[in-house]
Amino acid sequence: MFEKKYTQWLENLTIVLLLLTILNVFVDVVLRYIFNNSSIGLQEMEWHLFSSMFLLGISYTLQKDAHVRVDIFYAKLNQKKQALINIIGFFIFIAPISVLITYYGIDFSYQSYLLNEQSGDPGGLKYRFIIKGFIPLSFILVIISGAIFIKDNYKKMQL
């Protein structure tokens, strides 16, 4: 039950971020080419929204087992061996880097908050710690998705 709600929540949030990115780009293009006006804040918001969508999409992709892998040998293996490779791969590759990025990302975004970091461009966005906070948040979600991924693969090994 938790897995379905978690996956649905990630999917919905990613879709909302995608729609906001499209709307933001549309408004920016209309302002620039029809009204001959431009906003640094809107341009920065484009990469903030895209980055957030990408970072949150990592855990969603892992949860759906839709991540990129080299299938030359993997596809020829039976389901149990594939599940074993997934479990080992998670513990060797995904978990360590996720823990490191979360650990250092929390301090990275916290330092940004303490410094009240903002855009260096006039008219740019304030509160840069918000986008930096998505880095550790997304990898916390990767760890949660990984736990669900491990559980699902463990069940495949039992079949």
N, C-alpha and C. Protein backbone atom coordinates (compact mmCIF):
# COMPACT_ATOMS: atom_id res chain seq x y z
N MET A 1 0.83 -1.20 0.00
CA MET A 1 0.00 0.00 0.00
C MET A 1 0.87 1.26 0.00
N PHE A 2 1.87 1.28 0.86
CA PHE A 2 2.77 2.44 0.94
C PHE A 2 3.46 2.68 -0.39
N GLU A 3 3.88 1.58 -1.03
CA GLU A 3 4.61 1.71 -2.28
C GLU A 3 3.76 2.38 -3.35
N LYS A 4 2.48 2.02 -3.43
CA LYS A 4 1.61 2.61 -4.44
C LYS A 4 1.41 4.10 -4.19
N LYS A 5 1.16 4.47 -2.94
CA LYS A 5 0.97 5.88 -2.61
C LYS A 5 2.25 6.67 -2.86
N TYR A 6 3.38 6.09 -2.49
CA TYR A 6 4.67 6.73 -2.67
C TYR A 6 4.96 6.95 -4.15
N THR A 7 4.75 5.92 -4.95
CA THR A 7 5.00 6.02 -6.39
C THR A 7 4.04 7.02 -7.02
N GLN A 8 2.78 6.99 -6.64
CA GLN A 8 1.79 7.90 -7.20
C GLN A 8 2.12 9.35 -6.83
N TRP A 9 2.56 9.56 -5.60
CA TRP A 9 2.93 10.89 -5.15
C TRP A 9 4.10 11.43 -5.97
N LEU A 10 5.13 10.59 -6.17
CA LEU A 10 6.28 11.02 -6.98
C LEU A 10 5.88 11.32 -8.41
N GLU A 11 5.05 10.46 -8.97
CA GLU A 11 4.60 10.66 -10.34
C GLU A 11 3.82 11.97 -10.47
N ASN A 12 2.89 12.21 -9.56
CA ASN A 12 2.08 13.43 -9.61
C ASN A 12 2.95 14.68 -9.45
N LEU A 13 3.89 14.64 -8.53
CA LEU A 13 4.76 15.79 -8.31
C LEU A 13 5.63 16.05 -9.54
N THR A 14 6.14 15.02 -10.16
CA THR A 14 6.95 15.18 -11.36
C THR A 14 6.12 15.74 -12.51
N ILE A 15 4.90 15.30 -12.65
CA ILE A 15 4.01 15.82 -13.70
C ILE A 15 3.71 17.30 -13.46
N VAL A 16 3.44 17.66 -12.21
CA VAL A 16 3.18 19.07 -11.88
C VAL A 16 4.40 19.92 -12.22
N LEU A 17 5.59 19.45 -11.87
CA LEU A 17 6.81 20.19 -12.18
C LEU A 17 7.01 20.31 -13.69
N LEU A 18 6.69 19.26 -14.44
CA LEU A 18 6.78 19.32 -15.90
C LEU A 18 5.82 20.37 -16.46
N LEU A 19 4.59 20.37 -15.99
CA LEU A 19 3.60 21.34 -16.47
C LEU A 19 4.00 22.77 -16.11
N LEU A 20 4.54 22.96 -14.91
CA LEU A 20 5.02 24.28 -14.51
C LEU A 20 6.20 24.73 -15.37
N THR A 21 7.07 23.78 -15.72
CA THR A 21 8.21 24.11 -16.59
C THR A 21 7.72 24.54 -17.97
N ILE A 22 6.77 23.81 -18.52
CA ILE A 22 6.22 24.16 -19.83
C ILE A 22 5.56 25.53 -19.78
N LEU A 23 4.76 25.79 -18.75
CA LEU A 23 4.10 27.09 -18.60
C LEU A 23 5.13 28.21 -18.45
N ASN A 24 6.14 27.97 -17.66
CA ASN A 24 7.18 28.97 -17.45
C ASN A 24 7.90 29.30 -18.75
N VAL A 25 8.27 28.28 -19.52
CA VAL A 25 8.95 28.51 -20.79
C VAL A 25 8.03 29.26 -21.76
N PHE A 26 6.75 28.87 -21.79
CA PHE A 26 5.78 29.53 -22.66
C PHE A 26 5.68 31.02 -22.32
N VAL A 27 5.53 31.34 -21.04
CA VAL A 27 5.42 32.74 -20.62
C VAL A 27 6.70 33.50 -20.95
N ASP A 28 7.84 32.87 -20.72
CA ASP A 28 9.12 33.51 -21.01
C ASP A 28 9.25 33.80 -22.51
N VAL A 29 8.86 32.87 -23.36
CA VAL A 29 8.94 33.06 -24.81
C VAL A 29 7.99 34.16 -25.26
N VAL A 30 6.77 34.15 -24.74
CA VAL A 30 5.79 35.18 -25.10
C VAL A 30 6.31 36.55 -24.68
N LEU A 31 6.80 36.66 -23.46
CA LEU A 31 7.33 37.95 -23.00
C LEU A 31 8.50 38.41 -23.87
N ARG A 32 9.37 37.50 -24.23
CA ARG A 32 10.58 37.87 -24.96
C ARG A 32 10.29 38.25 -26.41
N TYR A 33 9.49 37.43 -27.10
CA TYR A 33 9.33 37.64 -28.54
C TYR A 33 8.10 38.44 -28.94
N ILE A 34 7.09 38.49 -28.10
CA ILE A 34 5.90 39.29 -28.44
C ILE A 34 5.97 40.67 -27.79
N PHE A 35 6.36 40.70 -26.51
CA PHE A 35 6.39 41.97 -25.78
C PHE A 35 7.80 42.56 -25.67
N ASN A 36 8.77 41.90 -26.27
CA ASN A 36 10.16 42.36 -26.26
C ASN A 36 10.63 42.68 -24.84
N ASN A 37 10.29 41.79 -23.95
CA ASN A 37 10.63 41.95 -22.53
C ASN A 37 11.18 40.60 -22.04
N SER A 38 12.05 40.65 -21.09
CA SER A 38 12.62 39.40 -20.58
C SER A 38 12.76 39.49 -19.07
N SER A 39 12.70 38.35 -18.43
CA SER A 39 12.82 38.30 -16.98
C SER A 39 13.89 37.29 -16.60
N ILE A 40 14.91 37.77 -15.89
CA ILE A 40 15.96 36.88 -15.41
C ILE A 40 15.36 35.85 -14.44
N GLY A 41 14.42 36.29 -13.62
CA GLY A 41 13.78 35.40 -12.66
C GLY A 41 13.07 34.24 -13.35
N LEU A 42 12.36 34.53 -14.44
CA LEU A 42 11.67 33.46 -15.19
C LEU A 42 12.67 32.50 -15.81
N GLN A 43 13.77 33.04 -16.34
CA GLN A 43 14.78 32.18 -16.94
C GLN A 43 15.43 31.28 -15.89
N GLU A 44 15.70 31.83 -14.71
CA GLU A 44 16.27 31.00 -13.65
C GLU A 44 15.25 29.98 -13.15
N MET A 45 13.99 30.37 -13.12
CA MET A 45 12.94 29.43 -12.67
C MET A 45 12.86 28.22 -13.59
N GLU A 46 13.17 28.41 -14.88
CA GLU A 46 13.16 27.28 -15.82
C GLU A 46 14.13 26.20 -15.37
N TRP A 47 15.34 26.58 -15.04
CA TRP A 47 16.30 25.54 -14.64
C TRP A 47 16.03 25.04 -13.24
N HIS A 48 15.43 25.86 -12.39
CA HIS A 48 15.04 25.37 -11.06
C HIS A 48 13.98 24.28 -11.19
N LEU A 49 12.96 24.55 -11.99
CA LEU A 49 11.89 23.57 -12.17
C LEU A 49 12.40 22.31 -12.86
N PHE A 50 13.21 22.49 -13.90
CA PHE A 50 13.74 21.33 -14.61
C PHE A 50 14.62 20.49 -13.70
N SER A 51 15.48 21.14 -12.92
CA SER A 51 16.36 20.42 -12.00
C SER A 51 15.56 19.64 -10.97
N SER A 52 14.54 20.27 -10.42
CA SER A 52 13.69 19.60 -9.44
C SER A 52 13.01 18.39 -10.05
N MET A 53 12.49 18.56 -11.26
CA MET A 53 11.81 17.46 -11.94
C MET A 53 12.78 16.32 -12.21
N PHE A 54 13.97 16.65 -12.65
CA PHE A 54 14.97 15.62 -12.93
C PHE A 54 15.39 14.90 -11.66
N LEU A 55 15.67 15.64 -10.61
CA LEU A 55 16.13 15.03 -9.35
C LEU A 55 15.06 14.12 -8.75
N LEU A 56 13.81 14.56 -8.77
CA LEU A 56 12.74 13.72 -8.22
C LEU A 56 12.43 12.54 -9.15
N GLY A 57 12.68 12.73 -10.43
CA GLY A 57 12.44 11.65 -11.39
C GLY A 57 13.39 10.47 -11.22
N ILE A 58 14.56 10.71 -10.61
CA ILE A 58 15.52 9.63 -10.40
C ILE A 58 14.90 8.54 -9.53
N SER A 59 14.30 8.93 -8.41
CA SER A 59 13.73 7.93 -7.51
C SER A 59 12.49 7.28 -8.12
N TYR A 60 11.71 8.05 -8.87
CA TYR A 60 10.53 7.48 -9.53
C TYR A 60 10.95 6.42 -10.55
N THR A 61 12.00 6.72 -11.31
CA THR A 61 12.49 5.79 -12.32
C THR A 61 13.02 4.51 -11.68
N LEU A 62 13.73 4.65 -10.58
CA LEU A 62 14.23 3.46 -9.87
C LEU A 62 13.05 2.63 -9.35
N GLN A 63 12.05 3.31 -8.80
CA GLN A 63 10.88 2.62 -8.26
C GLN A 63 10.16 1.82 -9.34
N LYS A 64 10.10 2.37 -10.55
CA LYS A 64 9.41 1.69 -11.66
C LYS A 64 10.32 0.73 -12.42
N ASP A 65 11.57 0.59 -11.96
CA ASP A 65 12.57 -0.26 -12.61
C ASP A 65 12.71 0.11 -14.09
N ALA A 66 12.74 1.42 -14.36
CA ALA A 66 12.84 1.92 -15.73
C ALA A 66 14.16 2.64 -15.97
N HIS A 67 15.10 2.45 -15.08
CA HIS A 67 16.39 3.11 -15.21
C HIS A 67 17.21 2.49 -16.34
N VAL A 68 18.22 3.20 -16.77
CA VAL A 68 19.06 2.76 -17.87
C VAL A 68 20.05 1.72 -17.36
N ARG A 69 20.17 0.64 -18.10
CA ARG A 69 21.19 -0.38 -17.78
C ARG A 69 21.63 -1.02 -19.09
N VAL A 70 22.75 -1.68 -19.05
CA VAL A 70 23.25 -2.37 -20.23
C VAL A 70 22.62 -3.76 -20.23
N ASP A 71 21.78 -4.01 -21.20
CA ASP A 71 21.00 -5.25 -21.23
C ASP A 71 21.62 -6.36 -22.07
N ILE A 72 22.85 -6.23 -22.47
CA ILE A 72 23.45 -7.25 -23.34
C ILE A 72 23.42 -8.63 -22.66
N PHE A 73 23.86 -8.69 -21.43
CA PHE A 73 23.88 -9.96 -20.69
C PHE A 73 22.67 -10.10 -19.78
N TYR A 74 22.26 -9.00 -19.21
CA TYR A 74 21.18 -8.99 -18.22
C TYR A 74 19.88 -9.58 -18.79
N ALA A 75 19.54 -9.21 -20.01
CA ALA A 75 18.28 -9.65 -20.62
C ALA A 75 18.24 -11.17 -20.83
N LYS A 76 19.40 -11.79 -20.94
CA LYS A 76 19.44 -13.23 -21.19
C LYS A 76 19.36 -14.06 -19.91
N LEU A 77 19.45 -13.40 -18.77
CA LEU A 77 19.41 -14.11 -17.49
C LEU A 77 17.98 -14.38 -17.05
N ASN A 78 17.81 -15.38 -16.19
CA ASN A 78 16.47 -15.64 -15.66
C ASN A 78 16.12 -14.60 -14.60
N GLN A 79 14.87 -14.62 -14.18
CA GLN A 79 14.34 -13.59 -13.27
C GLN A 79 15.08 -13.56 -11.93
N LYS A 80 15.46 -14.71 -11.40
CA LYS A 80 16.16 -14.75 -10.12
C LYS A 80 17.54 -14.11 -10.21
N LYS A 81 18.25 -14.40 -11.27
CA LYS A 81 19.59 -13.82 -11.45
C LYS A 81 19.49 -12.31 -11.70
N GLN A 82 18.48 -11.89 -12.44
CA GLN A 82 18.28 -10.46 -12.65
C GLN A 82 18.01 -9.75 -11.31
N ALA A 83 17.18 -10.36 -10.49
CA ALA A 83 16.87 -9.79 -9.18
C ALA A 83 18.11 -9.71 -8.31
N LEU A 84 18.93 -10.76 -8.34
CA LEU A 84 20.18 -10.76 -7.56
C LEU A 84 21.11 -9.64 -8.03
N ILE A 85 21.23 -9.46 -9.33
CA ILE A 85 22.07 -8.39 -9.89
C ILE A 85 21.52 -7.03 -9.45
N ASN A 86 20.21 -6.87 -9.47
CA ASN A 86 19.60 -5.60 -9.04
C ASN A 86 19.91 -5.31 -7.58
N ILE A 87 19.81 -6.32 -6.73
CA ILE A 87 20.07 -6.13 -5.30
C ILE A 87 21.54 -5.79 -5.06
N ILE A 88 22.43 -6.55 -5.68
CA ILE A 88 23.87 -6.29 -5.51
C ILE A 88 24.22 -4.91 -6.08
N GLY A 89 23.68 -4.60 -7.23
CA GLY A 89 23.93 -3.30 -7.86
C GLY A 89 23.48 -2.14 -6.98
N PHE A 90 22.34 -2.30 -6.32
CA PHE A 90 21.86 -1.25 -5.44
C PHE A 90 22.85 -1.03 -4.29
N PHE A 91 23.26 -2.11 -3.65
CA PHE A 91 24.15 -1.96 -2.49
C PHE A 91 25.56 -1.50 -2.86
N ILE A 92 26.01 -1.82 -4.05
CA ILE A 92 27.36 -1.42 -4.45
C ILE A 92 27.38 -0.02 -5.07
N PHE A 93 26.39 0.30 -5.88
CA PHE A 93 26.43 1.56 -6.62
C PHE A 93 25.47 2.63 -6.11
N ILE A 94 24.22 2.30 -5.98
CA ILE A 94 23.21 3.32 -5.68
C ILE A 94 23.24 3.77 -4.22
N ALA A 95 23.25 2.84 -3.29
CA ALA A 95 23.19 3.21 -1.87
C ALA A 95 24.37 4.06 -1.42
N PRO A 96 25.62 3.67 -1.71
CA PRO A 96 26.73 4.50 -1.21
C PRO A 96 26.72 5.93 -1.74
N ILE A 97 26.49 6.11 -3.02
CA ILE A 97 26.50 7.46 -3.58
C ILE A 97 25.30 8.26 -3.07
N SER A 98 24.18 7.60 -2.87
CA SER A 98 22.99 8.29 -2.35
C SER A 98 23.23 8.78 -0.93
N VAL A 99 23.86 7.95 -0.11
CA VAL A 99 24.16 8.35 1.27
C VAL A 99 25.15 9.52 1.27
N LEU A 100 26.18 9.45 0.44
CA LEU A 100 27.16 10.54 0.38
C LEU A 100 26.54 11.85 -0.10
N ILE A 101 25.76 11.78 -1.16
CA ILE A 101 25.13 12.99 -1.68
C ILE A 101 24.15 13.57 -0.67
N THR A 102 23.42 12.72 0.03
CA THR A 102 22.50 13.21 1.06
C THR A 102 23.27 13.87 2.19
N TYR A 103 24.30 13.22 2.66
CA TYR A 103 25.09 13.73 3.78
C TYR A 103 25.69 15.10 3.45
N TYR A 104 26.37 15.19 2.33
CA TYR A 104 27.01 16.46 1.97
C TYR A 104 26.01 17.48 1.42
N GLY A 105 24.93 17.01 0.83
CA GLY A 105 23.92 17.90 0.28
C GLY A 105 23.15 18.66 1.35
N ILE A 106 22.95 18.03 2.50
CA ILE A 106 22.26 18.73 3.58
C ILE A 106 23.07 19.93 4.03
N ASP A 107 24.36 19.74 4.24
CA ASP A 107 25.21 20.86 4.64
C ASP A 107 25.31 21.90 3.52
N PHE A 108 25.37 21.44 2.28
CA PHE A 108 25.45 22.34 1.12
C PHE A 108 24.25 23.28 1.09
N SER A 109 23.05 22.74 1.25
CA SER A 109 21.86 23.58 1.22
C SER A 109 21.72 24.39 2.51
N TYR A 110 22.14 23.84 3.63
CA TYR A 110 22.07 24.58 4.89
C TYR A 110 23.00 25.80 4.88
N GLN A 111 24.20 25.64 4.33
CA GLN A 111 25.13 26.77 4.21
C GLN A 111 24.54 27.85 3.30
N SER A 112 23.87 27.44 2.25
CA SER A 112 23.20 28.38 1.36
C SER A 112 22.12 29.15 2.11
N TYR A 113 21.40 28.45 2.98
CA TYR A 113 20.36 29.09 3.80
C TYR A 113 20.98 30.10 4.77
N LEU A 114 22.05 29.70 5.45
CA LEU A 114 22.71 30.59 6.41
C LEU A 114 23.26 31.85 5.74
N LEU A 115 23.76 31.70 4.52
CA LEU A 115 24.32 32.84 3.79
C LEU A 115 23.25 33.67 3.09
N ASN A 116 22.00 33.20 3.15
CA ASN A 116 20.91 33.83 2.41
C ASN A 116 21.30 33.98 0.94
N GLU A 117 21.85 32.90 0.38
CA GLU A 117 22.35 32.92 -0.99
C GLU A 117 21.22 33.20 -1.97
N GLN A 118 21.55 34.03 -2.94
CA GLN A 118 20.58 34.36 -3.98
C GLN A 118 21.31 34.52 -5.30
N SER A 119 20.56 34.72 -6.35
CA SER A 119 21.14 34.86 -7.68
C SER A 119 22.08 36.06 -7.72
N GLY A 120 23.14 35.91 -8.48
CA GLY A 120 24.07 37.02 -8.68
C GLY A 120 23.59 38.00 -9.74
N ASP A 121 22.57 37.61 -10.49
CA ASP A 121 22.03 38.46 -11.55
C ASP A 121 20.96 39.39 -11.00
N PRO A 122 20.93 40.63 -11.47
CA PRO A 122 19.86 41.54 -11.03
C PRO A 122 18.50 41.02 -11.51
N GLY A 123 17.55 40.97 -10.61
CA GLY A 123 16.23 40.44 -10.96
C GLY A 123 16.15 38.92 -10.87
N GLY A 124 17.23 38.29 -10.42
CA GLY A 124 17.24 36.83 -10.28
C GLY A 124 16.50 36.38 -9.04
N LEU A 125 16.44 35.08 -8.87
CA LEU A 125 15.67 34.51 -7.75
C LEU A 125 16.45 34.58 -6.45
N LYS A 126 15.70 34.76 -5.39
CA LYS A 126 16.26 34.71 -4.04
C LYS A 126 16.08 33.28 -3.53
N TYR A 127 16.57 33.02 -2.36
CA TYR A 127 16.36 31.73 -1.67
C TYR A 127 16.91 30.55 -2.46
N ARG A 128 18.16 30.63 -2.85
CA ARG A 128 18.79 29.57 -3.62
C ARG A 128 18.85 28.26 -2.83
N PHE A 129 18.73 28.34 -1.50
CA PHE A 129 18.77 27.12 -0.69
C PHE A 129 17.62 26.17 -1.03
N ILE A 130 16.53 26.68 -1.57
CA ILE A 130 15.39 25.82 -1.90
C ILE A 130 15.79 24.82 -2.98
N ILE A 131 16.38 25.32 -4.07
CA ILE A 131 16.77 24.40 -5.14
C ILE A 131 17.91 23.50 -4.67
N LYS A 132 18.81 24.02 -3.86
CA LYS A 132 19.89 23.20 -3.34
C LYS A 132 19.35 22.14 -2.38
N GLY A 133 18.26 22.42 -1.71
CA GLY A 133 17.63 21.46 -0.81
C GLY A 133 17.03 20.27 -1.54
N PHE A 134 16.75 20.44 -2.83
CA PHE A 134 16.22 19.32 -3.62
C PHE A 134 17.27 18.23 -3.81
N ILE A 135 18.54 18.58 -3.71
CA ILE A 135 19.59 17.58 -3.92
C ILE A 135 19.54 16.51 -2.83
N PRO A 136 19.67 16.87 -1.54
CA PRO A 136 19.58 15.80 -0.53
C PRO A 136 18.19 15.16 -0.47
N LEU A 137 17.14 15.97 -0.66
CA LEU A 137 15.78 15.42 -0.64
C LEU A 137 15.62 14.33 -1.70
N SER A 138 16.11 14.60 -2.90
CA SER A 138 15.93 13.62 -3.97
C SER A 138 16.69 12.33 -3.67
N PHE A 139 17.85 12.42 -3.04
CA PHE A 139 18.59 11.19 -2.77
C PHE A 139 18.09 10.47 -1.52
N ILE A 140 17.41 11.17 -0.63
CA ILE A 140 16.68 10.49 0.44
C ILE A 140 15.56 9.67 -0.20
N LEU A 141 14.89 10.26 -1.18
CA LEU A 141 13.83 9.53 -1.89
C LEU A 141 14.39 8.37 -2.70
N VAL A 142 15.61 8.51 -3.22
CA VAL A 142 16.25 7.39 -3.93
C VAL A 142 16.50 6.24 -2.96
N ILE A 143 16.93 6.55 -1.75
CA ILE A 143 17.15 5.50 -0.75
C ILE A 143 15.84 4.80 -0.40
N ILE A 144 14.77 5.57 -0.24
CA ILE A 144 13.46 4.98 0.04
C ILE A 144 13.01 4.12 -1.14
N SER A 145 13.15 4.67 -2.35
CA SER A 145 12.80 3.89 -3.56
C SER A 145 13.65 2.64 -3.67
N GLY A 146 14.92 2.76 -3.29
CA GLY A 146 15.81 1.61 -3.33
C GLY A 146 15.38 0.52 -2.38
N ALA A 147 14.89 0.90 -1.20
CA ALA A 147 14.40 -0.10 -0.25
C ALA A 147 13.20 -0.85 -0.83
N ILE A 148 12.32 -0.12 -1.48
CA ILE A 148 11.16 -0.75 -2.12
C ILE A 148 11.63 -1.63 -3.30
N PHE A 149 12.61 -1.13 -4.05
CA PHE A 149 13.18 -1.86 -5.17
C PHE A 149 13.81 -3.17 -4.70
N ILE A 150 14.54 -3.12 -3.58
CA ILE A 150 15.16 -4.32 -3.01
C ILE A 150 14.09 -5.31 -2.58
N LYS A 151 13.06 -4.81 -1.92
CA LYS A 151 11.97 -5.68 -1.46
C LYS A 151 11.31 -6.39 -2.64
N ASP A 152 11.05 -5.64 -3.71
CA ASP A 152 10.43 -6.24 -4.90
C ASP A 152 11.33 -7.28 -5.55
N ASN A 153 12.63 -7.00 -5.61
CA ASN A 153 13.56 -7.95 -6.20
C ASN A 153 13.77 -9.17 -5.31
N TYR A 154 13.71 -8.98 -4.02
CA TYR A 154 13.81 -10.11 -3.10
C TYR A 154 12.64 -11.06 -3.31
N LYS A 155 11.44 -10.50 -3.52
CA LYS A 155 10.27 -11.33 -3.79
C LYS A 155 10.45 -12.11 -5.10
N LYS A 156 11.05 -11.48 -6.10
CA LYS A 156 11.30 -12.18 -7.37
C LYS A 156 12.27 -13.34 -7.18
N MET A 157 13.22 -13.18 -6.28
CA MET A 157 14.17 -14.25 -6.03
C MET A 157 13.50 -15.44 -5.35
N GLN A 158 12.44 -15.20 -4.61
CA GLN A 158 11.75 -16.26 -3.87
C GLN A 158 10.83 -17.08 -4.77
N LEU A 159 10.49 -16.54 -5.93
CA LEU A 159 9.57 -17.27 -6.83
C LEU A 159 10.21 -18.49 -7.44
